Amino acid sequence: MNARHDLQAAGLRVSRETLESLEAFSALLLRWSGKINLISPGTQNAVWSRHILDSAQLFNLGAVHGGVWCDLGAGGGLPGAVVAIIARERDPNLRFHLVESDARKAAFLRIVVSELTLNAAVHHARAEVLKPLAANIVSARALAPLDRLLGLVQRHLRAEGVALLPKGRRHAAEIETARRAWDFDVEPVSSIAEAEGRILVVRNIRRKTGTG
């Protein structure tokens, strides 16, 4: 694994310290996954390519220079903790809110934030009941289908904000289904970590009249 080369492929140039922090996070992720299933066993031998790089690519799509980034269903810190590690060097005033309803996963996230000194708060709560966070950026990875996810995203996103939502090969079908109940602008950006994957860059989310 050439971690620096992989990050450069994602358009990111980071210091040795940031690389070491990403490696430390990877070690924590693997250690805790054996206890609370943070990532599937089938991907544990490809943590860097399947999870770290997949998360890191979101940074350049959403950097706002000192704003607020909210990660819903933060679970194993993917993408929230990974992006927060990069932001510690590249955008240190960018504040993160990691939202996770599972108590054990929230405990893991608190350890990550503490050990890696991240500019982040962990919320052990469900996204639909947590006080709106008025974020510039909202991300969510493998949390829910897009039609269900947009309501959670809209709750925590500023009107002028952007959502970054990694999706797999069924992204087009999810967009089509979501448009039955929602109006939104979307740009599918090709993933560098998954050939059929896309990061959906979503703006201007509005529920259609009579569907909510």
N, C-alpha and C. Protein backbone atom coordinates (compact mmCIF):
# COMPACT_ATOMS: atom_id res chain seq x y z
N MET A 1 0.84 -1.20 0.00
CA MET A 1 0.00 0.00 0.00
C MET A 1 0.86 1.24 0.00
N ASN A 2 0.68 2.14 -0.96
CA ASN A 2 1.33 3.44 -0.97
C ASN A 2 0.28 4.47 -0.60
N ALA A 3 0.15 4.71 0.70
CA ALA A 3 -0.94 5.55 1.18
C ALA A 3 -0.84 6.97 0.63
N ARG A 4 0.37 7.51 0.58
CA ARG A 4 0.52 8.87 0.08
C ARG A 4 0.10 8.96 -1.38
N HIS A 5 0.49 7.96 -2.18
CA HIS A 5 0.11 7.95 -3.59
C HIS A 5 -1.41 7.86 -3.74
N ASP A 6 -2.04 7.03 -2.92
CA ASP A 6 -3.48 6.87 -2.99
C ASP A 6 -4.20 8.18 -2.67
N LEU A 7 -3.71 8.90 -1.66
CA LEU A 7 -4.33 10.17 -1.31
C LEU A 7 -4.11 11.22 -2.40
N GLN A 8 -2.95 11.20 -3.01
CA GLN A 8 -2.70 12.13 -4.11
C GLN A 8 -3.63 11.86 -5.28
N ALA A 9 -3.95 10.57 -5.49
CA ALA A 9 -4.91 10.22 -6.54
C ALA A 9 -6.29 10.81 -6.24
N ALA A 10 -6.56 11.02 -4.97
CA ALA A 10 -7.83 11.62 -4.56
C ALA A 10 -7.73 13.15 -4.52
N GLY A 11 -6.60 13.69 -4.96
CA GLY A 11 -6.41 15.13 -4.98
C GLY A 11 -6.00 15.71 -3.66
N LEU A 12 -5.45 14.86 -2.77
CA LEU A 12 -5.08 15.30 -1.43
C LEU A 12 -3.58 15.14 -1.19
N ARG A 13 -2.95 16.22 -0.78
CA ARG A 13 -1.56 16.17 -0.35
C ARG A 13 -1.53 16.45 1.14
N VAL A 14 -1.06 15.49 1.90
CA VAL A 14 -1.08 15.64 3.36
C VAL A 14 0.30 15.34 3.92
N SER A 15 0.50 15.76 5.16
CA SER A 15 1.77 15.59 5.83
C SER A 15 1.95 14.16 6.33
N ARG A 16 3.18 13.87 6.73
CA ARG A 16 3.45 12.57 7.35
C ARG A 16 2.63 12.39 8.62
N GLU A 17 2.45 13.47 9.37
CA GLU A 17 1.67 13.39 10.61
C GLU A 17 0.23 12.98 10.33
N THR A 18 -0.36 13.54 9.27
CA THR A 18 -1.73 13.17 8.91
C THR A 18 -1.81 11.72 8.46
N LEU A 19 -0.83 11.28 7.67
CA LEU A 19 -0.79 9.87 7.27
C LEU A 19 -0.71 8.95 8.49
N GLU A 20 0.12 9.33 9.44
CA GLU A 20 0.26 8.52 10.66
C GLU A 20 -1.05 8.49 11.44
N SER A 21 -1.77 9.61 11.46
CA SER A 21 -3.06 9.64 12.15
C SER A 21 -4.09 8.76 11.45
N LEU A 22 -4.07 8.76 10.11
CA LEU A 22 -4.97 7.89 9.38
C LEU A 22 -4.64 6.42 9.63
N GLU A 23 -3.36 6.11 9.74
CA GLU A 23 -2.96 4.74 10.04
C GLU A 23 -3.36 4.36 11.46
N ALA A 24 -3.24 5.32 12.40
CA ALA A 24 -3.67 5.06 13.78
C ALA A 24 -5.18 4.84 13.83
N PHE A 25 -5.91 5.63 13.06
CA PHE A 25 -7.36 5.42 12.99
C PHE A 25 -7.69 4.05 12.43
N SER A 26 -6.99 3.63 11.38
CA SER A 26 -7.21 2.31 10.79
C SER A 26 -7.02 1.21 11.82
N ALA A 27 -5.98 1.37 12.64
CA ALA A 27 -5.71 0.37 13.67
C ALA A 27 -6.83 0.32 14.70
N LEU A 28 -7.32 1.50 15.11
CA LEU A 28 -8.44 1.55 16.05
C LEU A 28 -9.69 0.92 15.45
N LEU A 29 -9.93 1.21 14.18
CA LEU A 29 -11.11 0.68 13.50
C LEU A 29 -11.08 -0.85 13.47
N LEU A 30 -9.93 -1.41 13.14
CA LEU A 30 -9.82 -2.87 13.10
C LEU A 30 -9.94 -3.48 14.49
N ARG A 31 -9.33 -2.84 15.47
CA ARG A 31 -9.36 -3.37 16.83
C ARG A 31 -10.79 -3.40 17.36
N TRP A 32 -11.54 -2.33 17.16
CA TRP A 32 -12.91 -2.26 17.67
C TRP A 32 -13.90 -3.04 16.82
N SER A 33 -13.58 -3.26 15.56
CA SER A 33 -14.51 -3.99 14.69
C SER A 33 -14.72 -5.42 15.17
N GLY A 34 -13.72 -5.97 15.82
CA GLY A 34 -13.86 -7.31 16.36
C GLY A 34 -14.86 -7.39 17.49
N LYS A 35 -15.17 -6.23 18.08
CA LYS A 35 -16.08 -6.20 19.23
C LYS A 35 -17.48 -5.72 18.85
N ILE A 36 -17.56 -4.74 17.95
CA ILE A 36 -18.86 -4.11 17.70
C ILE A 36 -19.20 -3.99 16.21
N ASN A 37 -18.51 -4.70 15.36
CA ASN A 37 -18.88 -4.80 13.95
C ASN A 37 -18.99 -3.43 13.27
N LEU A 38 -17.90 -2.68 13.32
CA LEU A 38 -17.88 -1.35 12.69
C LEU A 38 -17.82 -1.45 11.17
N ILE A 39 -17.07 -2.45 10.68
CA ILE A 39 -17.00 -2.70 9.24
C ILE A 39 -17.18 -4.20 9.03
N SER A 40 -17.63 -4.58 7.85
CA SER A 40 -17.89 -5.99 7.60
C SER A 40 -16.58 -6.78 7.56
N PRO A 41 -16.60 -8.02 8.04
CA PRO A 41 -15.38 -8.84 8.05
C PRO A 41 -14.74 -8.96 6.68
N GLY A 42 -15.55 -8.98 5.64
CA GLY A 42 -15.02 -9.15 4.29
C GLY A 42 -14.19 -7.99 3.79
N THR A 43 -14.27 -6.84 4.46
CA THR A 43 -13.51 -5.66 4.01
C THR A 43 -12.35 -5.33 4.94
N GLN A 44 -12.13 -6.15 5.97
CA GLN A 44 -11.10 -5.81 6.94
C GLN A 44 -9.69 -5.93 6.38
N ASN A 45 -9.51 -6.72 5.32
CA ASN A 45 -8.18 -6.82 4.70
C ASN A 45 -7.95 -5.74 3.65
N ALA A 46 -8.94 -4.89 3.45
CA ALA A 46 -8.81 -3.80 2.47
C ALA A 46 -9.29 -2.50 3.09
N VAL A 47 -8.91 -2.26 4.33
CA VAL A 47 -9.40 -1.09 5.06
C VAL A 47 -9.04 0.20 4.34
N TRP A 48 -7.80 0.28 3.86
CA TRP A 48 -7.37 1.54 3.25
C TRP A 48 -8.17 1.85 1.99
N SER A 49 -8.21 0.91 1.04
CA SER A 49 -8.87 1.18 -0.24
C SER A 49 -10.39 1.22 -0.10
N ARG A 50 -10.94 0.35 0.72
CA ARG A 50 -12.40 0.22 0.79
C ARG A 50 -13.02 1.28 1.70
N HIS A 51 -12.30 1.73 2.71
CA HIS A 51 -12.89 2.62 3.70
C HIS A 51 -12.18 3.97 3.83
N ILE A 52 -10.86 3.96 4.03
CA ILE A 52 -10.15 5.22 4.27
C ILE A 52 -10.17 6.09 3.02
N LEU A 53 -9.74 5.55 1.90
CA LEU A 53 -9.71 6.32 0.66
C LEU A 53 -11.11 6.71 0.21
N ASP A 54 -12.06 5.80 0.37
CA ASP A 54 -13.45 6.07 0.00
C ASP A 54 -14.00 7.26 0.79
N SER A 55 -13.56 7.40 2.04
CA SER A 55 -13.99 8.52 2.88
C SER A 55 -13.20 9.79 2.59
N ALA A 56 -11.89 9.64 2.40
CA ALA A 56 -11.01 10.81 2.23
C ALA A 56 -11.37 11.62 1.00
N GLN A 57 -11.88 10.96 -0.04
CA GLN A 57 -12.18 11.68 -1.28
C GLN A 57 -13.27 12.73 -1.10
N LEU A 58 -14.03 12.65 -0.03
CA LEU A 58 -15.09 13.63 0.20
C LEU A 58 -14.54 15.00 0.59
N PHE A 59 -13.32 15.04 1.13
CA PHE A 59 -12.81 16.30 1.67
C PHE A 59 -12.83 17.42 0.64
N ASN A 60 -12.28 17.17 -0.53
CA ASN A 60 -12.20 18.22 -1.55
C ASN A 60 -13.55 18.60 -2.13
N LEU A 61 -14.54 17.72 -1.97
CA LEU A 61 -15.87 18.03 -2.49
C LEU A 61 -16.63 18.96 -1.56
N GLY A 62 -16.16 19.08 -0.32
CA GLY A 62 -16.96 19.84 0.63
C GLY A 62 -16.24 20.86 1.48
N ALA A 63 -14.94 21.07 1.28
CA ALA A 63 -14.20 21.99 2.13
C ALA A 63 -14.82 23.39 2.09
N VAL A 64 -15.11 23.95 3.26
CA VAL A 64 -15.77 25.26 3.34
C VAL A 64 -14.97 26.27 4.16
N HIS A 65 -13.80 25.88 4.64
CA HIS A 65 -12.90 26.79 5.34
C HIS A 65 -13.54 27.37 6.61
N GLY A 66 -13.62 26.53 7.61
CA GLY A 66 -14.06 26.98 8.92
C GLY A 66 -15.54 26.84 9.19
N GLY A 67 -16.25 26.09 8.39
CA GLY A 67 -17.68 25.90 8.61
C GLY A 67 -17.97 24.72 9.52
N VAL A 68 -19.16 24.14 9.32
CA VAL A 68 -19.62 23.01 10.13
C VAL A 68 -19.93 21.84 9.21
N TRP A 69 -19.38 20.68 9.57
CA TRP A 69 -19.61 19.43 8.82
C TRP A 69 -20.32 18.45 9.75
N CYS A 70 -21.46 17.94 9.32
CA CYS A 70 -22.23 16.99 10.10
C CYS A 70 -22.22 15.64 9.40
N ASP A 71 -21.82 14.59 10.10
CA ASP A 71 -21.82 13.24 9.54
C ASP A 71 -22.89 12.42 10.25
N LEU A 72 -23.89 12.00 9.50
CA LEU A 72 -25.01 11.25 10.07
C LEU A 72 -24.73 9.75 10.00
N GLY A 73 -25.11 9.03 11.07
CA GLY A 73 -24.82 7.60 11.12
C GLY A 73 -23.33 7.37 11.09
N ALA A 74 -22.60 8.13 11.91
CA ALA A 74 -21.14 8.18 11.82
C ALA A 74 -20.47 6.84 12.12
N GLY A 75 -21.12 5.97 12.88
CA GLY A 75 -20.68 4.60 13.08
C GLY A 75 -19.21 4.41 13.34
N GLY A 76 -18.49 3.88 12.33
CA GLY A 76 -17.07 3.63 12.46
C GLY A 76 -16.20 4.82 12.09
N GLY A 77 -16.79 6.01 11.99
CA GLY A 77 -16.00 7.19 11.65
C GLY A 77 -15.77 7.35 10.16
N LEU A 78 -16.65 6.72 9.38
CA LEU A 78 -16.53 6.70 7.92
C LEU A 78 -17.76 7.35 7.31
N PRO A 79 -17.63 8.54 6.74
CA PRO A 79 -16.39 9.26 6.45
C PRO A 79 -15.96 10.28 7.49
N GLY A 80 -16.83 10.58 8.50
CA GLY A 80 -16.61 11.74 9.36
C GLY A 80 -15.25 11.85 10.01
N ALA A 81 -14.80 10.78 10.69
CA ALA A 81 -13.52 10.86 11.39
C ALA A 81 -12.35 10.97 10.42
N VAL A 82 -12.45 10.27 9.29
CA VAL A 82 -11.38 10.34 8.29
C VAL A 82 -11.23 11.77 7.77
N VAL A 83 -12.35 12.39 7.43
CA VAL A 83 -12.30 13.76 6.91
C VAL A 83 -11.83 14.72 7.99
N ALA A 84 -12.22 14.48 9.24
CA ALA A 84 -11.78 15.34 10.35
C ALA A 84 -10.27 15.24 10.55
N ILE A 85 -9.69 14.06 10.34
CA ILE A 85 -8.24 13.91 10.45
C ILE A 85 -7.55 14.76 9.38
N ILE A 86 -8.05 14.72 8.16
CA ILE A 86 -7.48 15.51 7.08
C ILE A 86 -7.67 17.00 7.34
N ALA A 87 -8.85 17.36 7.83
CA ALA A 87 -9.16 18.76 8.09
C ALA A 87 -8.29 19.33 9.21
N ARG A 88 -7.85 18.52 10.13
CA ARG A 88 -6.99 19.00 11.21
C ARG A 88 -5.76 19.72 10.66
N GLU A 89 -5.27 19.23 9.52
CA GLU A 89 -4.13 19.87 8.84
C GLU A 89 -4.59 20.90 7.80
N ARG A 90 -5.59 20.53 6.99
CA ARG A 90 -5.93 21.33 5.82
C ARG A 90 -6.94 22.45 6.11
N ASP A 91 -7.80 22.27 7.11
CA ASP A 91 -8.83 23.26 7.42
C ASP A 91 -9.15 23.16 8.92
N PRO A 92 -8.22 23.60 9.78
CA PRO A 92 -8.34 23.33 11.23
C PRO A 92 -9.54 23.96 11.91
N ASN A 93 -10.16 24.97 11.30
CA ASN A 93 -11.34 25.59 11.90
C ASN A 93 -12.65 24.92 11.47
N LEU A 94 -12.55 23.92 10.63
CA LEU A 94 -13.74 23.16 10.23
C LEU A 94 -14.18 22.27 11.39
N ARG A 95 -15.40 22.49 11.87
CA ARG A 95 -15.92 21.79 13.05
C ARG A 95 -16.80 20.62 12.61
N PHE A 96 -16.62 19.47 13.25
CA PHE A 96 -17.36 18.27 12.89
C PHE A 96 -18.34 17.87 13.98
N HIS A 97 -19.50 17.40 13.55
CA HIS A 97 -20.48 16.79 14.45
C HIS A 97 -20.73 15.37 13.94
N LEU A 98 -20.39 14.39 14.77
CA LEU A 98 -20.54 12.98 14.42
C LEU A 98 -21.76 12.44 15.14
N VAL A 99 -22.78 12.09 14.38
CA VAL A 99 -24.08 11.70 14.94
C VAL A 99 -24.24 10.20 14.83
N GLU A 100 -24.45 9.53 15.96
CA GLU A 100 -24.54 8.07 15.98
C GLU A 100 -25.50 7.62 17.08
N SER A 101 -26.49 6.80 16.70
CA SER A 101 -27.51 6.37 17.66
C SER A 101 -27.09 5.16 18.49
N ASP A 102 -26.11 4.39 18.02
CA ASP A 102 -25.65 3.20 18.74
C ASP A 102 -24.63 3.61 19.81
N ALA A 103 -24.91 3.25 21.07
CA ALA A 103 -24.07 3.70 22.19
C ALA A 103 -22.63 3.20 22.06
N ARG A 104 -22.44 1.97 21.63
CA ARG A 104 -21.08 1.42 21.54
C ARG A 104 -20.29 2.11 20.43
N LYS A 105 -20.95 2.39 19.33
CA LYS A 105 -20.27 3.07 18.24
C LYS A 105 -19.96 4.52 18.61
N ALA A 106 -20.87 5.15 19.34
CA ALA A 106 -20.60 6.51 19.83
C ALA A 106 -19.41 6.51 20.77
N ALA A 107 -19.29 5.46 21.59
CA ALA A 107 -18.13 5.36 22.49
C ALA A 107 -16.84 5.24 21.69
N PHE A 108 -16.87 4.44 20.64
CA PHE A 108 -15.70 4.33 19.75
C PHE A 108 -15.34 5.68 19.16
N LEU A 109 -16.32 6.42 18.69
CA LEU A 109 -16.06 7.72 18.09
C LEU A 109 -15.45 8.68 19.09
N ARG A 110 -15.90 8.63 20.33
CA ARG A 110 -15.32 9.51 21.36
C ARG A 110 -13.86 9.18 21.60
N ILE A 111 -13.51 7.91 21.56
CA ILE A 111 -12.11 7.51 21.72
C ILE A 111 -11.28 8.03 20.56
N VAL A 112 -11.80 7.90 19.35
CA VAL A 112 -11.10 8.41 18.16
C VAL A 112 -10.86 9.91 18.27
N VAL A 113 -11.91 10.64 18.62
CA VAL A 113 -11.80 12.10 18.73
C VAL A 113 -10.77 12.49 19.78
N SER A 114 -10.78 11.79 20.92
CA SER A 114 -9.84 12.10 22.00
C SER A 114 -8.40 11.73 21.64
N GLU A 115 -8.19 10.51 21.14
CA GLU A 115 -6.83 10.04 20.89
C GLU A 115 -6.18 10.77 19.72
N LEU A 116 -6.97 11.20 18.74
CA LEU A 116 -6.42 11.84 17.56
C LEU A 116 -6.60 13.36 17.57
N THR A 117 -7.15 13.87 18.68
CA THR A 117 -7.29 15.33 18.89
C THR A 117 -8.01 15.99 17.71
N LEU A 118 -9.22 15.55 17.47
CA LEU A 118 -10.00 16.07 16.35
C LEU A 118 -10.93 17.19 16.80
N ASN A 119 -11.19 18.10 15.90
CA ASN A 119 -12.12 19.21 16.15
C ASN A 119 -13.53 18.70 15.88
N ALA A 120 -14.02 17.88 16.80
CA ALA A 120 -15.28 17.18 16.56
C ALA A 120 -16.02 16.93 17.87
N ALA A 121 -17.34 16.91 17.76
CA ALA A 121 -18.22 16.53 18.87
C ALA A 121 -18.99 15.28 18.46
N VAL A 122 -19.19 14.38 19.40
CA VAL A 122 -19.95 13.16 19.15
C VAL A 122 -21.32 13.29 19.80
N HIS A 123 -22.36 13.02 19.02
CA HIS A 123 -23.74 13.08 19.53
C HIS A 123 -24.31 11.67 19.52
N HIS A 124 -24.57 11.14 20.71
CA HIS A 124 -25.24 9.84 20.81
C HIS A 124 -26.73 10.12 20.74
N ALA A 125 -27.27 10.12 19.54
CA ALA A 125 -28.67 10.48 19.33
C ALA A 125 -29.10 10.03 17.94
N ARG A 126 -30.40 9.98 17.74
CA ARG A 126 -30.94 9.70 16.42
C ARG A 126 -31.02 11.02 15.65
N ALA A 127 -30.66 10.98 14.40
CA ALA A 127 -30.60 12.20 13.59
C ALA A 127 -31.95 12.90 13.50
N GLU A 128 -33.04 12.12 13.53
CA GLU A 128 -34.37 12.71 13.35
C GLU A 128 -34.89 13.43 14.59
N VAL A 129 -34.24 13.24 15.75
CA VAL A 129 -34.67 13.93 16.96
C VAL A 129 -33.62 14.91 17.48
N LEU A 130 -32.40 14.80 17.02
CA LEU A 130 -31.34 15.72 17.44
C LEU A 130 -31.66 17.13 16.97
N LYS A 131 -31.40 18.12 17.82
CA LYS A 131 -31.60 19.51 17.44
C LYS A 131 -30.86 19.80 16.14
N PRO A 132 -31.50 20.46 15.17
CA PRO A 132 -30.84 20.75 13.89
C PRO A 132 -29.49 21.44 14.08
N LEU A 133 -28.51 20.99 13.32
CA LEU A 133 -27.13 21.44 13.50
C LEU A 133 -26.71 22.56 12.55
N ALA A 134 -27.55 22.92 11.61
CA ALA A 134 -27.28 24.04 10.70
C ALA A 134 -25.89 23.91 10.07
N ALA A 135 -25.63 22.76 9.49
CA ALA A 135 -24.31 22.47 8.92
C ALA A 135 -24.16 23.00 7.50
N ASN A 136 -22.93 23.36 7.16
CA ASN A 136 -22.61 23.72 5.78
C ASN A 136 -22.55 22.48 4.90
N ILE A 137 -22.13 21.37 5.50
CA ILE A 137 -21.98 20.10 4.80
C ILE A 137 -22.60 19.00 5.65
N VAL A 138 -23.36 18.13 5.02
CA VAL A 138 -23.86 16.92 5.69
C VAL A 138 -23.43 15.73 4.85
N SER A 139 -22.84 14.74 5.52
CA SER A 139 -22.46 13.49 4.85
C SER A 139 -23.16 12.33 5.52
N ALA A 140 -23.31 11.25 4.79
CA ALA A 140 -23.88 10.01 5.33
C ALA A 140 -23.46 8.88 4.40
N ARG A 141 -22.90 7.85 4.96
CA ARG A 141 -22.40 6.72 4.19
C ARG A 141 -23.10 5.45 4.66
N ALA A 142 -23.80 4.79 3.75
CA ALA A 142 -24.45 3.51 4.05
C ALA A 142 -25.45 3.62 5.21
N LEU A 143 -26.18 4.74 5.24
CA LEU A 143 -27.13 4.95 6.33
C LEU A 143 -28.55 4.56 5.93
N ALA A 144 -28.99 4.98 4.74
CA ALA A 144 -30.37 4.72 4.31
C ALA A 144 -30.48 4.99 2.81
N PRO A 145 -31.53 4.46 2.16
CA PRO A 145 -31.78 4.82 0.76
C PRO A 145 -32.01 6.32 0.64
N LEU A 146 -31.73 6.86 -0.53
CA LEU A 146 -31.75 8.31 -0.71
C LEU A 146 -33.10 8.92 -0.38
N ASP A 147 -34.20 8.27 -0.73
CA ASP A 147 -35.52 8.86 -0.48
C ASP A 147 -35.77 9.06 1.01
N ARG A 148 -35.26 8.17 1.84
CA ARG A 148 -35.38 8.31 3.30
C ARG A 148 -34.31 9.22 3.86
N LEU A 149 -33.15 9.20 3.24
CA LEU A 149 -32.00 9.95 3.74
C LEU A 149 -32.18 11.46 3.60
N LEU A 150 -32.84 11.89 2.54
CA LEU A 150 -32.94 13.33 2.28
C LEU A 150 -33.65 14.09 3.40
N GLY A 151 -34.63 13.47 4.03
CA GLY A 151 -35.32 14.13 5.14
C GLY A 151 -34.38 14.39 6.31
N LEU A 152 -33.52 13.42 6.62
CA LEU A 152 -32.54 13.59 7.70
C LEU A 152 -31.52 14.66 7.33
N VAL A 153 -31.06 14.61 6.09
CA VAL A 153 -30.07 15.57 5.63
C VAL A 153 -30.65 16.98 5.69
N GLN A 154 -31.85 17.16 5.17
CA GLN A 154 -32.47 18.49 5.14
C GLN A 154 -32.61 19.06 6.55
N ARG A 155 -32.88 18.22 7.52
CA ARG A 155 -33.05 18.68 8.91
C ARG A 155 -31.80 19.37 9.44
N HIS A 156 -30.64 18.89 9.03
CA HIS A 156 -29.39 19.39 9.62
C HIS A 156 -28.56 20.26 8.68
N LEU A 157 -29.05 20.52 7.48
CA LEU A 157 -28.29 21.25 6.47
C LEU A 157 -28.80 22.67 6.32
N ARG A 158 -27.88 23.63 6.26
CA ARG A 158 -28.26 25.00 5.94
C ARG A 158 -28.89 25.06 4.55
N ALA A 159 -29.70 26.05 4.32
CA ALA A 159 -30.39 26.16 3.03
C ALA A 159 -29.41 26.22 1.87
N GLU A 160 -28.25 26.87 2.09
CA GLU A 160 -27.25 27.01 1.03
C GLU A 160 -26.18 25.92 1.09
N GLY A 161 -26.39 24.92 1.94
CA GLY A 161 -25.37 23.89 2.15
C GLY A 161 -25.38 22.80 1.10
N VAL A 162 -24.46 21.84 1.28
CA VAL A 162 -24.31 20.75 0.32
C VAL A 162 -24.24 19.42 1.07
N ALA A 163 -24.88 18.41 0.51
CA ALA A 163 -24.81 17.06 1.06
C ALA A 163 -23.89 16.21 0.20
N LEU A 164 -23.06 15.40 0.84
CA LEU A 164 -22.13 14.49 0.16
C LEU A 164 -22.50 13.08 0.58
N LEU A 165 -23.08 12.33 -0.36
CA LEU A 165 -23.69 11.05 -0.03
C LEU A 165 -23.12 9.95 -0.92
N PRO A 166 -22.15 9.18 -0.42
CA PRO A 166 -21.61 8.06 -1.21
C PRO A 166 -22.66 6.98 -1.44
N LYS A 167 -22.76 6.53 -2.69
CA LYS A 167 -23.72 5.50 -3.05
C LYS A 167 -23.05 4.49 -3.98
N GLY A 168 -23.63 3.30 -4.05
CA GLY A 168 -23.09 2.23 -4.88
C GLY A 168 -23.68 2.22 -6.28
N ARG A 169 -23.67 1.05 -6.89
CA ARG A 169 -24.05 0.94 -8.30
C ARG A 169 -25.53 1.24 -8.55
N ARG A 170 -26.35 1.24 -7.52
CA ARG A 170 -27.78 1.53 -7.69
C ARG A 170 -28.10 3.01 -7.47
N HIS A 171 -27.09 3.86 -7.58
CA HIS A 171 -27.31 5.28 -7.29
C HIS A 171 -28.38 5.90 -8.20
N ALA A 172 -28.38 5.54 -9.47
CA ALA A 172 -29.35 6.14 -10.41
C ALA A 172 -30.78 5.76 -10.02
N ALA A 173 -30.99 4.51 -9.63
CA ALA A 173 -32.32 4.06 -9.21
C ALA A 173 -32.75 4.78 -7.93
N GLU A 174 -31.80 5.01 -7.02
CA GLU A 174 -32.13 5.72 -5.79
C GLU A 174 -32.54 7.16 -6.08
N ILE A 175 -31.83 7.80 -7.01
CA ILE A 175 -32.18 9.17 -7.40
C ILE A 175 -33.59 9.21 -7.98
N GLU A 176 -33.90 8.26 -8.86
CA GLU A 176 -35.22 8.22 -9.50
C GLU A 176 -36.33 8.06 -8.47
N THR A 177 -36.12 7.15 -7.52
CA THR A 177 -37.12 6.92 -6.48
C THR A 177 -37.28 8.16 -5.61
N ALA A 178 -36.16 8.79 -5.24
CA ALA A 178 -36.21 9.96 -4.36
C ALA A 178 -36.95 11.13 -5.01
N ARG A 179 -36.89 11.23 -6.32
CA ARG A 179 -37.52 12.36 -7.01
C ARG A 179 -39.06 12.30 -6.95
N ARG A 180 -39.60 11.18 -6.53
CA ARG A 180 -41.07 11.10 -6.38
C ARG A 180 -41.55 11.98 -5.23
N ALA A 181 -40.71 12.13 -4.24
CA ALA A 181 -41.11 12.90 -3.06
C ALA A 181 -40.29 14.17 -2.85
N TRP A 182 -39.16 14.29 -3.57
CA TRP A 182 -38.25 15.40 -3.31
C TRP A 182 -37.83 16.10 -4.60
N ASP A 183 -37.66 17.41 -4.50
CA ASP A 183 -36.95 18.17 -5.53
C ASP A 183 -35.55 18.45 -5.00
N PHE A 184 -34.55 18.28 -5.83
CA PHE A 184 -33.16 18.54 -5.42
C PHE A 184 -32.28 18.59 -6.65
N ASP A 185 -31.15 19.26 -6.50
CA ASP A 185 -30.12 19.29 -7.54
C ASP A 185 -29.06 18.28 -7.15
N VAL A 186 -28.63 17.46 -8.10
CA VAL A 186 -27.65 16.42 -7.77
C VAL A 186 -26.61 16.30 -8.87
N GLU A 187 -25.36 16.15 -8.45
CA GLU A 187 -24.25 15.87 -9.35
C GLU A 187 -23.59 14.57 -8.90
N PRO A 188 -23.71 13.48 -9.65
CA PRO A 188 -23.03 12.24 -9.27
C PRO A 188 -21.55 12.31 -9.68
N VAL A 189 -20.67 12.22 -8.70
CA VAL A 189 -19.23 12.28 -8.95
C VAL A 189 -18.66 10.88 -8.83
N SER A 190 -17.89 10.46 -9.81
CA SER A 190 -17.33 9.10 -9.80
C SER A 190 -16.43 8.89 -8.59
N SER A 191 -16.57 7.74 -7.97
CA SER A 191 -15.74 7.38 -6.83
C SER A 191 -14.39 6.86 -7.31
N ILE A 192 -13.32 7.24 -6.62
CA ILE A 192 -12.01 6.70 -6.98
C ILE A 192 -11.74 5.39 -6.24
N ALA A 193 -12.64 5.02 -5.34
CA ALA A 193 -12.44 3.81 -4.55
C ALA A 193 -13.32 2.65 -4.99
N GLU A 194 -14.37 2.95 -5.75
CA GLU A 194 -15.31 1.91 -6.17
C GLU A 194 -15.76 2.22 -7.60
N ALA A 195 -15.49 1.33 -8.52
CA ALA A 195 -15.71 1.59 -9.94
C ALA A 195 -17.14 2.03 -10.26
N GLU A 196 -18.11 1.39 -9.64
CA GLU A 196 -19.51 1.70 -9.93
C GLU A 196 -20.11 2.69 -8.92
N GLY A 197 -19.30 3.12 -7.98
CA GLY A 197 -19.79 4.02 -6.94
C GLY A 197 -19.81 5.46 -7.39
N ARG A 198 -20.67 6.25 -6.76
CA ARG A 198 -20.75 7.68 -7.01
C ARG A 198 -20.91 8.40 -5.67
N ILE A 199 -20.33 9.60 -5.59
CA ILE A 199 -20.67 10.49 -4.48
C ILE A 199 -21.72 11.44 -5.01
N LEU A 200 -22.89 11.41 -4.42
CA LEU A 200 -23.96 12.31 -4.84
C LEU A 200 -23.78 13.65 -4.13
N VAL A 201 -23.50 14.68 -4.91
CA VAL A 201 -23.36 16.03 -4.39
C VAL A 201 -24.72 16.70 -4.55
N VAL A 202 -25.42 16.89 -3.44
CA VAL A 202 -26.83 17.27 -3.46
C VAL A 202 -27.03 18.65 -2.85
N ARG A 203 -27.80 19.48 -3.54
CA ARG A 203 -28.12 20.83 -3.06
C ARG A 203 -29.61 21.11 -3.25
N ASN A 204 -30.06 22.17 -2.57
CA ASN A 204 -31.42 22.69 -2.77
C ASN A 204 -32.49 21.61 -2.59
N ILE A 205 -32.47 20.98 -1.43
CA ILE A 205 -33.40 19.89 -1.13
C ILE A 205 -34.74 20.46 -0.69
N ARG A 206 -35.81 20.04 -1.35
CA ARG A 206 -37.14 20.52 -1.03
C ARG A 206 -38.14 19.36 -1.16
N ARG A 207 -38.93 19.15 -0.12
CA ARG A 207 -39.95 18.11 -0.22
C ARG A 207 -41.10 18.60 -1.11
N LYS A 208 -41.56 17.73 -1.97
CA LYS A 208 -42.67 18.09 -2.85
C LYS A 208 -43.97 18.24 -2.06
N THR A 209 -44.78 19.17 -2.45
CA THR A 209 -46.04 19.42 -1.78
C THR A 209 -46.93 18.19 -1.79
N GLY A 210 -47.45 17.86 -0.62
CA GLY A 210 -48.39 16.76 -0.51
C GLY A 210 -47.73 15.39 -0.36
N THR A 211 -46.39 15.34 -0.19
CA THR A 211 -45.72 14.03 -0.06
C THR A 211 -45.17 13.81 1.34
N GLY A 212 -45.24 14.78 2.20
CA GLY A 212 -44.65 14.63 3.52
C GLY A 212 -45.69 14.51 4.61
